[in-house]
Amino acid sequence: SPARREAPACIMAPVEMDISVITV
């Protein structure tokens, strides 16, 4: 089990794109 985590502080960056494609 990973260490108990707080949800990442995701702050919306200025929108420069219509869509972000994410691949892992």
PDB file of all heavy atoms in Angstrom:
ATOM      1  N   SER A   1       0.842  -1.199   0.000  1.00  0.00           N
ATOM      2  CA  SER A   1       0.000   0.000   0.000  1.00  0.00           C
ATOM      3  C   SER A   1       0.866   1.233   0.000  1.00  0.00           C
ATOM      4  O   SER A   1       1.759   1.359   0.839  1.00  0.00           O
ATOM      5  CB  SER A   1      -0.903   0.009   1.235  1.00  0.00           C
ATOM      6  OG  SER A   1      -1.600   1.225   1.324  1.00  0.00           O
ATOM      7  N   PRO A   2       0.664   2.171  -0.939  1.00  0.00           N
ATOM      8  CA  PRO A   2       1.420   3.410  -0.885  1.00  0.00           C
ATOM      9  C   PRO A   2       1.047   4.189   0.361  1.00  0.00           C
ATOM     10  O   PRO A   2      -0.010   3.987   0.948  1.00  0.00           O
ATOM     11  CB  PRO A   2       0.979   4.153  -2.154  1.00  0.00           C
ATOM     12  CG  PRO A   2      -0.313   3.541  -2.536  1.00  0.00           C
ATOM     13  CD  PRO A   2      -0.290   2.126  -2.036  1.00  0.00           C
ATOM     14  N   ALA A   3       1.948   5.068   0.773  1.00  0.00           N
ATOM     15  CA  ALA A   3       1.665   5.879   1.939  1.00  0.00           C
ATOM     16  C   ALA A   3       0.357   6.630   1.727  1.00  0.00           C
ATOM     17  O   ALA A   3       0.068   7.110   0.633  1.00  0.00           O
ATOM     18  CB  ALA A   3       2.811   6.864   2.184  1.00  0.00           C
ATOM     19  N   ARG A   4      -0.437   6.719   2.806  1.00  0.00           N
ATOM     20  CA  ARG A   4      -1.705   7.430   2.689  1.00  0.00           C
ATOM     21  C   ARG A   4      -1.446   8.849   2.201  1.00  0.00           C
ATOM     22  O   ARG A   4      -0.587   9.549   2.694  1.00  0.00           O
ATOM     23  CB  ARG A   4      -2.395   7.464   4.052  1.00  0.00           C
ATOM     24  CG  ARG A   4      -3.751   8.117   4.027  1.00  0.00           C
ATOM     25  CD  ARG A   4      -4.779   7.345   3.200  1.00  0.00           C
ATOM     26  NE  ARG A   4      -5.049   6.061   3.788  1.00  0.00           N
ATOM     27  CZ  ARG A   4      -5.389   5.012   3.078  1.00  0.00           C
ATOM     28  NH1 ARG A   4      -5.462   5.088   1.769  1.00  0.00           N
ATOM     29  NH2 ARG A   4      -5.630   3.861   3.655  1.00  0.00           N
ATOM     30  N   ARG A   5      -2.139   9.260   1.190  1.00  0.00           N
ATOM     31  CA  ARG A   5      -1.833  10.515   0.531  1.00  0.00           C
ATOM     32  C   ARG A   5      -3.000  11.472   0.596  1.00  0.00           C
ATOM     33  O   ARG A   5      -4.148  11.080   0.678  1.00  0.00           O
ATOM     34  CB  ARG A   5      -1.501  10.270  -0.935  1.00  0.00           C
ATOM     35  CG  ARG A   5      -2.602   9.480  -1.656  1.00  0.00           C
ATOM     36  CD  ARG A   5      -2.528   9.612  -3.143  1.00  0.00           C
ATOM     37  NE  ARG A   5      -3.472   8.743  -3.794  1.00  0.00           N
ATOM     38  CZ  ARG A   5      -4.777   8.981  -3.870  1.00  0.00           C
ATOM     39  NH1 ARG A   5      -5.271  10.045  -3.317  1.00  0.00           N
ATOM     40  NH2 ARG A   5      -5.586   8.132  -4.476  1.00  0.00           N
ATOM     41  N   GLU A   6      -2.669  12.714   0.571  1.00  0.00           N
ATOM     42  CA  GLU A   6      -3.669  13.741   0.334  1.00  0.00           C
ATOM     43  C   GLU A   6      -3.842  13.870  -1.172  1.00  0.00           C
ATOM     44  O   GLU A   6      -2.909  13.602  -1.939  1.00  0.00           O
ATOM     45  CB  GLU A   6      -3.216  15.086   0.912  1.00  0.00           C
ATOM     46  CG  GLU A   6      -3.043  15.077   2.425  1.00  0.00           C
ATOM     47  CD  GLU A   6      -4.349  14.893   3.161  1.00  0.00           C
ATOM     48  OE1 GLU A   6      -5.391  15.323   2.619  1.00  0.00           O
ATOM     49  OE2 GLU A   6      -4.333  14.320   4.259  1.00  0.00           O
ATOM     50  N   ALA A   7      -5.015  14.271  -1.633  1.00  0.00           N
ATOM     51  CA  ALA A   7      -5.224  14.469  -3.068  1.00  0.00           C
ATOM     52  C   ALA A   7      -4.255  15.534  -3.566  1.00  0.00           C
ATOM     53  O   ALA A   7      -4.061  16.553  -2.905  1.00  0.00           O
ATOM     54  CB  ALA A   7      -6.656  14.898  -3.340  1.00  0.00           C
ATOM     55  N   PRO A   8      -3.585  15.305  -4.697  1.00  0.00           N
ATOM     56  CA  PRO A   8      -2.646  16.297  -5.215  1.00  0.00           C
ATOM     57  C   PRO A   8      -3.320  17.650  -5.400  1.00  0.00           C
ATOM     58  O   PRO A   8      -4.480  17.736  -5.777  1.00  0.00           O
ATOM     59  CB  PRO A   8      -2.228  15.696  -6.564  1.00  0.00           C
ATOM     60  CG  PRO A   8      -2.501  14.236  -6.441  1.00  0.00           C
ATOM     61  CD  PRO A   8      -3.692  14.126  -5.549  1.00  0.00           C
ATOM     62  N   ALA A   9      -2.564  18.688  -5.093  1.00  0.00           N
ATOM     63  CA  ALA A   9      -3.109  20.040  -5.252  1.00  0.00           C
ATOM     64  C   ALA A   9      -3.018  20.431  -6.713  1.00  0.00           C
ATOM     65  O   ALA A   9      -2.016  20.971  -7.165  1.00  0.00           O
ATOM     66  CB  ALA A   9      -2.332  21.022  -4.380  1.00  0.00           C
ATOM     67  N   CYS A  10      -4.046  20.108  -7.465  1.00  0.00           N
ATOM     68  CA  CYS A  10      -4.062  20.389  -8.898  1.00  0.00           C
ATOM     69  C   CYS A  10      -4.709  21.744  -9.129  1.00  0.00           C
ATOM     70  O   CYS A  10      -5.911  21.909  -8.913  1.00  0.00           O
ATOM     71  CB  CYS A  10      -4.842  19.312  -9.653  1.00  0.00           C
ATOM     72  SG  CYS A  10      -4.109  17.681  -9.517  1.00  0.00           S
ATOM     73  N   ILE A  11      -3.931  22.699  -9.532  1.00  0.00           N
ATOM     74  CA  ILE A  11      -4.429  24.036  -9.794  1.00  0.00           C
ATOM     75  C   ILE A  11      -4.505  24.234 -11.298  1.00  0.00           C
ATOM     76  O   ILE A  11      -3.534  23.990 -12.016  1.00  0.00           O
ATOM     77  CB  ILE A  11      -3.510  25.100  -9.163  1.00  0.00           C
ATOM     78  CG1 ILE A  11      -3.431  24.869  -7.640  1.00  0.00           C
ATOM     79  CG2 ILE A  11      -4.010  26.493  -9.479  1.00  0.00           C
ATOM     80  CD1 ILE A  11      -2.459  25.777  -6.946  1.00  0.00           C
ATOM     81  N   MET A  12      -5.669  24.658 -11.782  1.00  0.00           N
ATOM     82  CA  MET A  12      -5.849  24.824 -13.216  1.00  0.00           C
ATOM     83  C   MET A  12      -4.900  25.883 -13.767  1.00  0.00           C
ATOM     84  O   MET A  12      -4.908  27.028 -13.324  1.00  0.00           O
ATOM     85  CB  MET A  12      -7.299  25.224 -13.528  1.00  0.00           C
ATOM     86  CG  MET A  12      -7.547  25.540 -14.994  1.00  0.00           C
ATOM     87  SD  MET A  12      -7.269  24.115 -16.062  1.00  0.00           S
ATOM     88  CE  MET A  12      -8.802  23.228 -15.807  1.00  0.00           C
ATOM     89  N   ALA A  13      -4.068  25.458 -14.705  1.00  0.00           N
ATOM     90  CA  ALA A  13      -3.178  26.399 -15.385  1.00  0.00           C
ATOM     91  C   ALA A  13      -3.995  27.197 -16.391  1.00  0.00           C
ATOM     92  O   ALA A  13      -5.097  26.800 -16.770  1.00  0.00           O
ATOM     93  CB  ALA A  13      -2.062  25.632 -16.094  1.00  0.00           C
ATOM     94  N   PRO A  14      -3.475  28.352 -16.818  1.00  0.00           N
ATOM     95  CA  PRO A  14      -4.177  29.091 -17.872  1.00  0.00           C
ATOM     96  C   PRO A  14      -4.439  28.193 -19.072  1.00  0.00           C
ATOM     97  O   PRO A  14      -3.546  27.467 -19.522  1.00  0.00           O
ATOM     98  CB  PRO A  14      -3.196  30.215 -18.216  1.00  0.00           C
ATOM     99  CG  PRO A  14      -2.361  30.377 -16.991  1.00  0.00           C
ATOM    100  CD  PRO A  14      -2.239  28.999 -16.395  1.00  0.00           C
ATOM    101  N   VAL A  15      -5.664  28.199 -19.577  1.00  0.00           N
ATOM    102  CA  VAL A  15      -6.032  27.298 -20.664  1.00  0.00           C
ATOM    103  C   VAL A  15      -5.351  27.741 -21.954  1.00  0.00           C
ATOM    104  O   VAL A  15      -5.610  28.828 -22.460  1.00  0.00           O
ATOM    105  CB  VAL A  15      -7.557  27.248 -20.848  1.00  0.00           C
ATOM    106  CG1 VAL A  15      -7.917  26.375 -22.038  1.00  0.00           C
ATOM    107  CG2 VAL A  15      -8.224  26.728 -19.588  1.00  0.00           C
ATOM    108  N   GLU A  16      -4.464  26.900 -22.453  1.00  0.00           N
ATOM    109  CA  GLU A  16      -3.756  27.186 -23.692  1.00  0.00           C
ATOM    110  C   GLU A  16      -4.161  26.214 -24.785  1.00  0.00           C
ATOM    111  O   GLU A  16      -3.782  26.383 -25.933  1.00  0.00           O
ATOM    112  CB  GLU A  16      -2.243  27.088 -23.456  1.00  0.00           C
ATOM    113  CG  GLU A  16      -1.733  28.015 -22.357  1.00  0.00           C
ATOM    114  CD  GLU A  16      -0.278  27.749 -22.025  1.00  0.00           C
ATOM    115  OE1 GLU A  16       0.372  27.018 -22.795  1.00  0.00           O
ATOM    116  OE2 GLU A  16       0.198  28.257 -21.011  1.00  0.00           O
ATOM    117  N   MET A  17      -4.899  25.185 -24.408  1.00  0.00           N
ATOM    118  CA  MET A  17      -5.243  24.116 -25.326  1.00  0.00           C
ATOM    119  C   MET A  17      -6.735  23.812 -25.225  1.00  0.00           C
ATOM    120  O   MET A  17      -7.362  24.071 -24.200  1.00  0.00           O
ATOM    121  CB  MET A  17      -4.467  22.836 -24.970  1.00  0.00           C
ATOM    122  CG  MET A  17      -2.971  22.997 -24.909  1.00  0.00           C
ATOM    123  SD  MET A  17      -2.260  23.157 -26.563  1.00  0.00           S
ATOM    124  CE  MET A  17      -0.556  23.569 -26.125  1.00  0.00           C
ATOM    125  N   ASP A  18      -7.292  23.240 -26.291  1.00  0.00           N
ATOM    126  CA  ASP A  18      -8.657  22.736 -26.221  1.00  0.00           C
ATOM    127  C   ASP A  18      -8.702  21.427 -25.452  1.00  0.00           C
ATOM    128  O   ASP A  18      -9.635  21.169 -24.688  1.00  0.00           O
ATOM    129  CB  ASP A  18      -9.218  22.514 -27.623  1.00  0.00           C
ATOM    130  CG  ASP A  18      -9.394  23.816 -28.395  1.00  0.00           C
ATOM    131  OD1 ASP A  18      -9.690  24.849 -27.761  1.00  0.00           O
ATOM    132  OD2 ASP A  18      -9.212  23.796 -29.628  1.00  0.00           O
ATOM    133  N   ILE A  19      -7.690  20.581 -25.679  1.00  0.00           N
ATOM    134  CA  ILE A  19      -7.710  19.236 -25.108  1.00  0.00           C
ATOM    135  C   ILE A  19      -6.282  18.777 -24.814  1.00  0.00           C
ATOM    136  O   ILE A  19      -5.358  19.074 -25.579  1.00  0.00           O
ATOM    137  CB  ILE A  19      -8.440  18.269 -26.070  1.00  0.00           C
ATOM    138  CG1 ILE A  19      -8.697  16.916 -25.415  1.00  0.00           C
ATOM    139  CG2 ILE A  19      -7.690  18.103 -27.379  1.00  0.00           C
ATOM    140  CD1 ILE A  19      -9.704  16.062 -26.197  1.00  0.00           C
ATOM    141  N   SER A  20      -6.116  18.073 -23.697  1.00  0.00           N
ATOM    142  CA  SER A  20      -4.815  17.517 -23.308  1.00  0.00           C
ATOM    143  C   SER A  20      -4.883  16.003 -23.457  1.00  0.00           C
ATOM    144  O   SER A  20      -5.748  15.353 -22.851  1.00  0.00           O
ATOM    145  CB  SER A  20      -4.475  17.877 -21.865  1.00  0.00           C
ATOM    146  OG  SER A  20      -4.335  19.269 -21.687  1.00  0.00           O
ATOM    147  N   VAL A  21      -3.978  15.436 -24.265  1.00  0.00           N
ATOM    148  CA  VAL A  21      -3.900  13.984 -24.455  1.00  0.00           C
ATOM    149  C   VAL A  21      -2.860  13.439 -23.486  1.00  0.00           C
ATOM    150  O   VAL A  21      -1.724  13.924 -23.446  1.00  0.00           O
ATOM    151  CB  VAL A  21      -3.514  13.633 -25.902  1.00  0.00           C
ATOM    152  CG1 VAL A  21      -3.430  12.125 -26.084  1.00  0.00           C
ATOM    153  CG2 VAL A  21      -4.509  14.244 -26.880  1.00  0.00           C
ATOM    154  N   ILE A  22      -3.246  12.434 -22.712  1.00  0.00           N
ATOM    155  CA  ILE A  22      -2.368  11.876 -21.685  1.00  0.00           C
ATOM    156  C   ILE A  22      -2.165  10.389 -21.945  1.00  0.00           C
ATOM    157  O   ILE A  22      -3.133   9.639 -22.114  1.00  0.00           O
ATOM    158  CB  ILE A  22      -2.960  12.080 -20.280  1.00  0.00           C
ATOM    159  CG1 ILE A  22      -3.180  13.572 -20.010  1.00  0.00           C
ATOM    160  CG2 ILE A  22      -2.057  11.470 -19.209  1.00  0.00           C
ATOM    161  CD1 ILE A  22      -3.994  13.852 -18.755  1.00  0.00           C
ATOM    162  N   THR A  23      -0.906   9.974 -21.974  1.00  0.00           N
ATOM    163  CA  THR A  23      -0.555   8.568 -22.135  1.00  0.00           C
ATOM    164  C   THR A  23       0.425   8.184 -21.039  1.00  0.00           C
ATOM    165  O   THR A  23       1.378   8.920 -20.766  1.00  0.00           O
ATOM    166  CB  THR A  23       0.086   8.299 -23.509  1.00  0.00           C
ATOM    167  OG1 THR A  23      -0.862   8.581 -24.540  1.00  0.00           O
ATOM    168  CG2 THR A  23       0.531   6.855 -23.630  1.00  0.00           C
ATOM    169  N   VAL A  24       0.187   7.043 -20.427  1.00  0.00           N
ATOM    170  CA  VAL A  24       1.107   6.500 -19.422  1.00  0.00           C
ATOM    171  C   VAL A  24       1.828   5.324 -20.049  1.00  0.00           C
ATOM    172  O   VAL A  24       1.221   4.496 -20.741  1.00  0.00           O
ATOM    173  CB  VAL A  24       0.330   6.051 -18.164  1.00  0.00           C
ATOM    174  CG1 VAL A  24       1.267   5.376 -17.166  1.00  0.00           C
ATOM    175  CG2 VAL A  24      -0.365   7.248 -17.519  1.00  0.00           C
TER     176      VAL A  24
END
